Amino acid sequence: MEIKRAGSQPLTEGQANWFTGTVRIDPFFEAPEPARVRIASVTFEPGARTAWHTHPLGQALIVTSGLGWAQSWGGSIEVSQAEY
């Protein structure tokens, strides 16, 4: 068992080739290989967004504050709003 305290992982800024605007990434967990699980809290400042990209193995997005906009290739934009 490995226990990690909140805030114990280094916070990073989103890389310019993946994000526009100010984006902070707070990693929570990354499973050791061969697992491919990585969990992080990603905070977008107003006007920030990601560059178009894909996740061939899937991705789960949980909106905890504000609005989350997502779109699948050729699909319509889906908007999720935090209910807290």
PDB file of N, CA and C in Angstrom:
ATOM      1  N   MET A   1       0.847  -1.173   0.000  1.00  0.00           N
ATOM      2  CA  MET A   1       0.000   0.000   0.000  1.00  0.00           C
ATOM      3  C   MET A   1       0.889   1.232   0.000  1.00  0.00           C
ATOM      4  N   GLU A   2       0.471   2.204  -0.779  1.00  0.00           N
ATOM      5  CA  GLU A   2       1.190   3.471  -0.827  1.00  0.00           C
ATOM      6  C   GLU A   2       0.196   4.579  -0.495  1.00  0.00           C
ATOM      7  N   ILE A   3       0.541   5.389   0.487  1.00  0.00           N
ATOM      8  CA  ILE A   3      -0.333   6.492   0.901  1.00  0.00           C
ATOM      9  C   ILE A   3       0.319   7.798   0.484  1.00  0.00           C
ATOM     10  N   LYS A   4      -0.451   8.627  -0.223  1.00  0.00           N
ATOM     11  CA  LYS A   4       0.044   9.936  -0.645  1.00  0.00           C
ATOM     12  C   LYS A   4      -0.874  10.994  -0.065  1.00  0.00           C
ATOM     13  N   ARG A   5      -0.311  11.945   0.588  1.00  0.00           N
ATOM     14  CA  ARG A   5      -1.077  13.016   1.207  1.00  0.00           C
ATOM     15  C   ARG A   5      -1.458  14.064   0.157  1.00  0.00           C
ATOM     16  N   ALA A   6      -2.628  14.677   0.337  1.00  0.00           N
ATOM     17  CA  ALA A   6      -3.069  15.742  -0.564  1.00  0.00           C
ATOM     18  C   ALA A   6      -2.002  16.824  -0.632  1.00  0.00           C
ATOM     19  N   GLY A   7      -1.676  17.243  -1.845  1.00  0.00           N
ATOM     20  CA  GLY A   7      -0.684  18.289  -2.042  1.00  0.00           C
ATOM     21  C   GLY A   7       0.752  17.819  -1.969  1.00  0.00           C
ATOM     22  N   SER A   8       0.984  16.508  -1.806  1.00  0.00           N
ATOM     23  CA  SER A   8       2.354  16.013  -1.677  1.00  0.00           C
ATOM     24  C   SER A   8       3.045  15.825  -3.029  1.00  0.00           C
ATOM     25  N   GLN A   9       2.283  15.806  -4.110  1.00  0.00           N
ATOM     26  CA  GLN A   9       2.853  15.664  -5.448  1.00  0.00           C
ATOM     27  C   GLN A   9       3.105  17.057  -6.027  1.00  0.00           C
ATOM     28  N   PRO A  10       4.175  17.235  -6.796  1.00  0.00           N
ATOM     29  CA  PRO A  10       4.455  18.566  -7.332  1.00  0.00           C
ATOM     30  C   PRO A  10       3.402  19.016  -8.350  1.00  0.00           C
ATOM     31  N   LEU A  11       2.905  20.226  -8.189  1.00  0.00           N
ATOM     32  CA  LEU A  11       1.959  20.844  -9.104  1.00  0.00           C
ATOM     33  C   LEU A  11       2.734  21.293 -10.335  1.00  0.00           C
ATOM     34  N   THR A  12       2.156  21.092 -11.540  1.00  0.00           N
ATOM     35  CA  THR A  12       2.838  21.522 -12.765  1.00  0.00           C
ATOM     36  C   THR A  12       1.921  22.409 -13.587  1.00  0.00           C
ATOM     37  N   GLU A  13       2.515  23.186 -14.475  1.00  0.00           N
ATOM     38  CA  GLU A  13       1.746  23.990 -15.419  1.00  0.00           C
ATOM     39  C   GLU A  13       1.531  23.170 -16.680  1.00  0.00           C
ATOM     40  N   GLY A  14       0.362  23.360 -17.318  1.00  0.00           N
ATOM     41  CA  GLY A  14       0.084  22.675 -18.574  1.00  0.00           C
ATOM     42  C   GLY A  14       1.067  23.102 -19.647  1.00  0.00           C
ATOM     43  N   GLN A  15       1.564  22.145 -20.416  1.00  0.00           N
ATOM     44  CA  GLN A  15       2.546  22.435 -21.464  1.00  0.00           C
ATOM     45  C   GLN A  15       1.899  23.203 -22.606  1.00  0.00           C
ATOM     46  N   ALA A  16       2.635  24.152 -23.176  1.00  0.00           N
ATOM     47  CA  ALA A  16       2.119  25.021 -24.235  1.00  0.00           C
ATOM     48  C   ALA A  16       1.683  24.236 -25.471  1.00  0.00           C
ATOM     49  N   ASN A  17       2.263  23.063 -25.722  1.00  0.00           N
ATOM     50  CA  ASN A  17       1.863  22.290 -26.900  1.00  0.00           C
ATOM     51  C   ASN A  17       0.561  21.518 -26.668  1.00  0.00           C
ATOM     52  N   TRP A  18       0.055  21.471 -25.422  1.00  0.00           N
ATOM     53  CA  TRP A  18      -1.207  20.794 -25.110  1.00  0.00           C
ATOM     54  C   TRP A  18      -2.301  21.748 -24.667  1.00  0.00           C
ATOM     55  N   PHE A  19      -1.924  22.923 -24.170  1.00  0.00           N
ATOM     56  CA  PHE A  19      -2.895  23.842 -23.586  1.00  0.00           C
ATOM     57  C   PHE A  19      -2.677  25.267 -24.067  1.00  0.00           C
ATOM     58  N   THR A  20      -3.759  26.027 -24.101  1.00  0.00           N
ATOM     59  CA  THR A  20      -3.710  27.466 -24.354  1.00  0.00           C
ATOM     60  C   THR A  20      -4.197  28.143 -23.087  1.00  0.00           C
ATOM     61  N   GLY A  21      -3.485  29.155 -22.641  1.00  0.00           N
ATOM     62  CA  GLY A  21      -3.856  29.833 -21.406  1.00  0.00           C
ATOM     63  C   GLY A  21      -3.218  29.166 -20.204  1.00  0.00           C
ATOM     64  N   THR A  22      -3.638  29.581 -19.029  1.00  0.00           N
ATOM     65  CA  THR A  22      -3.065  29.071 -17.789  1.00  0.00           C
ATOM     66  C   THR A  22      -3.814  27.832 -17.318  1.00  0.00           C
ATOM     67  N   VAL A  23      -3.081  26.721 -17.210  1.00  0.00           N
ATOM     68  CA  VAL A  23      -3.643  25.439 -16.784  1.00  0.00           C
ATOM     69  C   VAL A  23      -2.706  24.852 -15.734  1.00  0.00           C
ATOM     70  N   ARG A  24      -3.287  24.410 -14.595  1.00  0.00           N
ATOM     71  CA  ARG A  24      -2.500  23.786 -13.529  1.00  0.00           C
ATOM     72  C   ARG A  24      -2.891  22.313 -13.414  1.00  0.00           C
ATOM     73  N   ILE A  25      -1.888  21.460 -13.279  1.00  0.00           N
ATOM     74  CA  ILE A  25      -2.128  20.024 -13.148  1.00  0.00           C
ATOM     75  C   ILE A  25      -1.628  19.575 -11.781  1.00  0.00           C
ATOM     76  N   ASP A  26      -2.548  19.025 -10.993  1.00  0.00           N
ATOM     77  CA  ASP A  26      -2.249  18.534  -9.652  1.00  0.00           C
ATOM     78  C   ASP A  26      -2.390  17.008  -9.673  1.00  0.00           C
ATOM     79  N   PRO A  27      -1.277  16.280  -9.820  1.00  0.00           N
ATOM     80  CA  PRO A  27      -1.374  14.822  -9.924  1.00  0.00           C
ATOM     81  C   PRO A  27      -1.796  14.192  -8.607  1.00  0.00           C
ATOM     82  N   PHE A  28      -2.725  13.232  -8.694  1.00  0.00           N
ATOM     83  CA  PHE A  28      -3.171  12.503  -7.517  1.00  0.00           C
ATOM     84  C   PHE A  28      -2.534  11.124  -7.462  1.00  0.00           C
ATOM     85  N   PHE A  29      -2.472  10.443  -8.612  1.00  0.00           N
ATOM     86  CA  PHE A  29      -2.101   9.038  -8.608  1.00  0.00           C
ATOM     87  C   PHE A  29      -1.650   8.608  -9.994  1.00  0.00           C
ATOM     88  N   GLU A  30      -0.609   7.783 -10.058  1.00  0.00           N
ATOM     89  CA  GLU A  30      -0.199   7.134 -11.296  1.00  0.00           C
ATOM     90  C   GLU A  30       0.185   5.707 -10.953  1.00  0.00           C
ATOM     91  N   ALA A  31      -0.544   4.761 -11.528  1.00  0.00           N
ATOM     92  CA  ALA A  31      -0.292   3.348 -11.230  1.00  0.00           C
ATOM     93  C   ALA A  31       0.997   2.899 -11.902  1.00  0.00           C
ATOM     94  N   PRO A  32       1.734   1.991 -11.268  1.00  0.00           N
ATOM     95  CA  PRO A  32       2.953   1.471 -11.884  1.00  0.00           C
ATOM     96  C   PRO A  32       2.621   0.588 -13.088  1.00  0.00           C
ATOM     97  N   GLU A  33       3.563   0.487 -14.025  1.00  0.00           N
ATOM     98  CA  GLU A  33       3.368  -0.378 -15.192  1.00  0.00           C
ATOM     99  C   GLU A  33       3.124  -1.805 -14.730  1.00  0.00           C
ATOM    100  N   PRO A  34       2.333  -2.569 -15.428  1.00  0.00           N
ATOM    101  CA  PRO A  34       1.788  -2.337 -16.766  1.00  0.00           C
ATOM    102  C   PRO A  34       0.481  -1.563 -16.770  1.00  0.00           C
ATOM    103  N   ALA A  35      -0.013  -1.117 -15.631  1.00  0.00           N
ATOM    104  CA  ALA A  35      -1.250  -0.337 -15.588  1.00  0.00           C
ATOM    105  C   ALA A  35      -1.064   0.975 -16.334  1.00  0.00           C
ATOM    106  N   ARG A  36      -2.166   1.517 -16.802  1.00  0.00           N
ATOM    107  CA  ARG A  36      -2.130   2.784 -17.545  1.00  0.00           C
ATOM    108  C   ARG A  36      -3.053   3.812 -16.909  1.00  0.00           C
ATOM    109  N   VAL A  37      -3.163   3.774 -15.598  1.00  0.00           N
ATOM    110  CA  VAL A  37      -4.076   4.673 -14.897  1.00  0.00           C
ATOM    111  C   VAL A  37      -3.310   5.869 -14.359  1.00  0.00           C
ATOM    112  N   ARG A  38      -3.845   7.043 -14.639  1.00  0.00           N
ATOM    113  CA  ARG A  38      -3.269   8.285 -14.118  1.00  0.00           C
ATOM    114  C   ARG A  38      -4.431   9.188 -13.742  1.00  0.00           C
ATOM    115  N   ILE A  39      -4.408   9.726 -12.539  1.00  0.00           N
ATOM    116  CA  ILE A  39      -5.479  10.591 -12.069  1.00  0.00           C
ATOM    117  C   ILE A  39      -4.882  11.928 -11.644  1.00  0.00           C
ATOM    118  N   ALA A  40      -5.501  13.008 -12.118  1.00  0.00           N
ATOM    119  CA  ALA A  40      -5.025  14.345 -11.767  1.00  0.00           C
ATOM    120  C   ALA A  40      -6.205  15.304 -11.750  1.00  0.00           C
ATOM    121  N   SER A  41      -6.058  16.365 -11.004  1.00  0.00           N
ATOM    122  CA  SER A  41      -7.009  17.470 -11.035  1.00  0.00           C
ATOM    123  C   SER A  41      -6.408  18.521 -11.958  1.00  0.00           C
ATOM    124  N   VAL A  42      -7.156  18.905 -12.978  1.00  0.00           N
ATOM    125  CA  VAL A  42      -6.675  19.891 -13.942  1.00  0.00           C
ATOM    126  C   VAL A  42      -7.548  21.133 -13.807  1.00  0.00           C
ATOM    127  N   THR A  43      -6.918  22.272 -13.542  1.00  0.00           N
ATOM    128  CA  THR A  43      -7.643  23.531 -13.350  1.00  0.00           C
ATOM    129  C   THR A  43      -7.348  24.459 -14.521  1.00  0.00           C
ATOM    130  N   PHE A  44      -8.418  24.916 -15.170  1.00  0.00           N
ATOM    131  CA  PHE A  44      -8.307  25.831 -16.295  1.00  0.00           C
ATOM    132  C   PHE A  44      -8.701  27.228 -15.827  1.00  0.00           C
ATOM    133  N   GLU A  45      -7.816  28.193 -15.998  1.00  0.00           N
ATOM    134  CA  GLU A  45      -8.168  29.577 -15.729  1.00  0.00           C
ATOM    135  C   GLU A  45      -9.103  30.050 -16.841  1.00  0.00           C
ATOM    136  N   PRO A  46      -9.892  31.113 -16.617  1.00  0.00           N
ATOM    137  CA  PRO A  46     -10.805  31.590 -17.657  1.00  0.00           C
ATOM    138  C   PRO A  46     -10.096  31.776 -19.001  1.00  0.00           C
ATOM    139  N   GLY A  47     -10.701  31.234 -20.058  1.00  0.00           N
ATOM    140  CA  GLY A  47     -10.156  31.337 -21.409  1.00  0.00           C
ATOM    141  C   GLY A  47      -9.176  30.247 -21.787  1.00  0.00           C
ATOM    142  N   ALA A  48      -8.730  29.442 -20.831  1.00  0.00           N
ATOM    143  CA  ALA A  48      -7.775  28.370 -21.132  1.00  0.00           C
ATOM    144  C   ALA A  48      -8.513  27.178 -21.738  1.00  0.00           C
ATOM    145  N   ARG A  49      -7.803  26.395 -22.538  1.00  0.00           N
ATOM    146  CA  ARG A  49      -8.393  25.208 -23.143  1.00  0.00           C
ATOM    147  C   ARG A  49      -7.288  24.249 -23.573  1.00  0.00           C
ATOM    148  N   THR A  50      -7.694  23.040 -23.940  1.00  0.00           N
ATOM    149  CA  THR A  50      -6.727  22.072 -24.445  1.00  0.00           C
ATOM    150  C   THR A  50      -6.661  22.163 -25.962  1.00  0.00           C
ATOM    151  N   ALA A  51      -5.553  21.696 -26.511  1.00  0.00           N
ATOM    152  CA  ALA A  51      -5.439  21.520 -27.953  1.00  0.00           C
ATOM    153  C   ALA A  51      -6.209  20.247 -28.318  1.00  0.00           C
ATOM    154  N   TRP A  52      -6.715  20.175 -29.538  1.00  0.00           N
ATOM    155  CA  TRP A  52      -7.443  18.984 -29.977  1.00  0.00           C
ATOM    156  C   TRP A  52      -6.510  17.781 -29.906  1.00  0.00           C
ATOM    157  N   HIS A  53      -6.947  16.716 -29.262  1.00  0.00           N
ATOM    158  CA  HIS A  53      -6.157  15.495 -29.174  1.00  0.00           C
ATOM    159  C   HIS A  53      -7.088  14.323 -28.908  1.00  0.00           C
ATOM    160  N   THR A  54      -6.552  13.124 -28.969  1.00  0.00           N
ATOM    161  CA  THR A  54      -7.368  11.929 -28.767  1.00  0.00           C
ATOM    162  C   THR A  54      -6.861  11.132 -27.572  1.00  0.00           C
ATOM    163  N   HIS A  55      -7.716  10.253 -27.079  1.00  0.00           N
ATOM    164  CA  HIS A  55      -7.383   9.305 -26.022  1.00  0.00           C
ATOM    165  C   HIS A  55      -7.857   7.931 -26.503  1.00  0.00           C
ATOM    166  N   PRO A  56      -7.012   7.215 -27.255  1.00  0.00           N
ATOM    167  CA  PRO A  56      -7.441   5.945 -27.849  1.00  0.00           C
ATOM    168  C   PRO A  56      -7.949   4.920 -26.831  1.00  0.00           C
ATOM    169  N   LEU A  57      -7.469   4.979 -25.600  1.00  0.00           N
ATOM    170  CA  LEU A  57      -7.918   4.035 -24.579  1.00  0.00           C
ATOM    171  C   LEU A  57      -9.021   4.612 -23.698  1.00  0.00           C
ATOM    172  N   GLY A  58      -9.453   5.822 -24.009  1.00  0.00           N
ATOM    173  CA  GLY A  58     -10.528   6.444 -23.253  1.00  0.00           C
ATOM    174  C   GLY A  58     -10.016   7.410 -22.201  1.00  0.00           C
ATOM    175  N   GLN A  59     -10.944   8.211 -21.694  1.00  0.00           N
ATOM    176  CA  GLN A  59     -10.629   9.188 -20.656  1.00  0.00           C
ATOM    177  C   GLN A  59     -11.908   9.465 -19.867  1.00  0.00           C
ATOM    178  N   ALA A  60     -11.770   9.636 -18.580  1.00  0.00           N
ATOM    179  CA  ALA A  60     -12.906  10.013 -17.732  1.00  0.00           C
ATOM    180  C   ALA A  60     -12.694  11.449 -17.276  1.00  0.00           C
ATOM    181  N   LEU A  61     -13.703  12.272 -17.461  1.00  0.00           N
ATOM    182  CA  LEU A  61     -13.647  13.657 -17.018  1.00  0.00           C
ATOM    183  C   LEU A  61     -14.698  13.861 -15.939  1.00  0.00           C
ATOM    184  N   ILE A  62     -14.287  14.428 -14.818  1.00  0.00           N
ATOM    185  CA  ILE A  62     -15.202  14.716 -13.717  1.00  0.00           C
ATOM    186  C   ILE A  62     -15.134  16.213 -13.461  1.00  0.00           C
ATOM    187  N   VAL A  63     -16.218  16.914 -13.722  1.00  0.00           N
ATOM    188  CA  VAL A  63     -16.261  18.366 -13.547  1.00  0.00           C
ATOM    189  C   VAL A  63     -16.605  18.657 -12.094  1.00  0.00           C
ATOM    190  N   THR A  64     -15.669  19.291 -11.382  1.00  0.00           N
ATOM    191  CA  THR A  64     -15.875  19.577  -9.963  1.00  0.00           C
ATOM    192  C   THR A  64     -16.170  21.042  -9.693  1.00  0.00           C
ATOM    193  N   SER A  65     -15.974  21.893 -10.704  1.00  0.00           N
ATOM    194  CA  SER A  65     -16.224  23.317 -10.542  1.00  0.00           C
ATOM    195  C   SER A  65     -16.425  23.929 -11.922  1.00  0.00           C
ATOM    196  N   GLY A  66     -17.385  24.827 -12.036  1.00  0.00           N
ATOM    197  CA  GLY A  66     -17.607  25.517 -13.299  1.00  0.00           C
ATOM    198  C   GLY A  66     -18.217  24.620 -14.359  1.00  0.00           C
ATOM    199  N   LEU A  67     -17.803  24.855 -15.618  1.00  0.00           N
ATOM    200  CA  LEU A  67     -18.306  24.105 -16.764  1.00  0.00           C
ATOM    201  C   LEU A  67     -17.196  23.306 -17.404  1.00  0.00           C
ATOM    202  N   GLY A  68     -17.531  22.126 -17.910  1.00  0.00           N
ATOM    203  CA  GLY A  68     -16.590  21.317 -18.682  1.00  0.00           C
ATOM    204  C   GLY A  68     -17.156  21.098 -20.068  1.00  0.00           C
ATOM    205  N   TRP A  69     -16.386  21.417 -21.100  1.00  0.00           N
ATOM    206  CA  TRP A  69     -16.823  21.232 -22.478  1.00  0.00           C
ATOM    207  C   TRP A  69     -15.977  20.127 -23.088  1.00  0.00           C
ATOM    208  N   ALA A  70     -16.617  19.166 -23.732  1.00  0.00           N
ATOM    209  CA  ALA A  70     -15.907  18.066 -24.380  1.00  0.00           C
ATOM    210  C   ALA A  70     -16.577  17.782 -25.714  1.00  0.00           C
ATOM    211  N   GLN A  71     -15.799  17.243 -26.649  1.00  0.00           N
ATOM    212  CA  GLN A  71     -16.333  16.931 -27.962  1.00  0.00           C
ATOM    213  C   GLN A  71     -15.623  15.719 -28.526  1.00  0.00           C
ATOM    214  N   SER A  72     -16.384  14.798 -29.073  1.00  0.00           N
ATOM    215  CA  SER A  72     -15.818  13.655 -29.789  1.00  0.00           C
ATOM    216  C   SER A  72     -15.684  14.045 -31.259  1.00  0.00           C
ATOM    217  N   TRP A  73     -14.741  13.417 -31.948  1.00  0.00           N
ATOM    218  CA  TRP A  73     -14.494  13.723 -33.358  1.00  0.00           C
ATOM    219  C   TRP A  73     -15.799  13.623 -34.143  1.00  0.00           C
ATOM    220  N   GLY A  74     -16.192  14.709 -34.788  1.00  0.00           N
ATOM    221  CA  GLY A  74     -17.399  14.733 -35.595  1.00  0.00           C
ATOM    222  C   GLY A  74     -18.687  14.869 -34.792  1.00  0.00           C
ATOM    223  N   GLY A  75     -18.583  14.872 -33.470  1.00  0.00           N
ATOM    224  CA  GLY A  75     -19.770  14.958 -32.623  1.00  0.00           C
ATOM    225  C   GLY A  75     -20.057  16.378 -32.179  1.00  0.00           C
ATOM    226  N   SER A  76     -21.130  16.516 -31.461  1.00  0.00           N
ATOM    227  CA  SER A  76     -21.493  17.834 -30.936  1.00  0.00           C
ATOM    228  C   SER A  76     -20.786  18.085 -29.615  1.00  0.00           C
ATOM    229  N   ILE A  77     -20.680  19.336 -29.249  1.00  0.00           N
ATOM    230  CA  ILE A  77     -20.053  19.711 -27.986  1.00  0.00           C
ATOM    231  C   ILE A  77     -20.981  19.321 -26.841  1.00  0.00           C
ATOM    232  N   GLU A  78     -20.426  18.669 -25.827  1.00  0.00           N
ATOM    233  CA  GLU A  78     -21.181  18.307 -24.634  1.00  0.00           C
ATOM    234  C   GLU A  78     -20.690  19.183 -23.487  1.00  0.00           C
ATOM    235  N   VAL A  79     -21.619  19.795 -22.778  1.00  0.00           N
ATOM    236  CA  VAL A  79     -21.296  20.680 -21.665  1.00  0.00           C
ATOM    237  C   VAL A  79     -21.765  20.042 -20.379  1.00  0.00           C
ATOM    238  N   SER A  80     -20.876  19.961 -19.403  1.00  0.00           N
ATOM    239  CA  SER A  80     -21.219  19.460 -18.074  1.00  0.00           C
ATOM    240  C   SER A  80     -20.990  20.572 -17.070  1.00  0.00           C
ATOM    241  N   GLN A  81     -21.889  20.706 -16.135  1.00  0.00           N
ATOM    242  CA  GLN A  81     -21.757  21.731 -15.103  1.00  0.00           C
ATOM    243  C   GLN A  81     -21.657  21.063 -13.742  1.00  0.00           C
ATOM    244  N   ALA A  82     -20.727  21.556 -12.924  1.00  0.00           N
ATOM    245  CA  ALA A  82     -20.597  21.038 -11.565  1.00  0.00           C
ATOM    246  C   ALA A  82     -21.880  21.309 -10.814  1.00  0.00           C
ATOM    247  N   GLU A  83     -22.314  20.341 -10.033  1.00  0.00           N
ATOM    248  CA  GLU A  83     -23.575  20.462  -9.303  1.00  0.00           C
ATOM    249  C   GLU A  83     -23.358  20.832  -7.837  1.00  0.00           C
ATOM    250  N   TYR A  84     -22.158  21.185  -7.455  1.00  0.00           N
ATOM    251  CA  TYR A  84     -21.871  21.424  -6.039  1.00  0.00           C
ATOM    252  C   TYR A  84     -22.245  22.816  -5.652  1.00  0.00           C
TER     253      TYR A  84
END
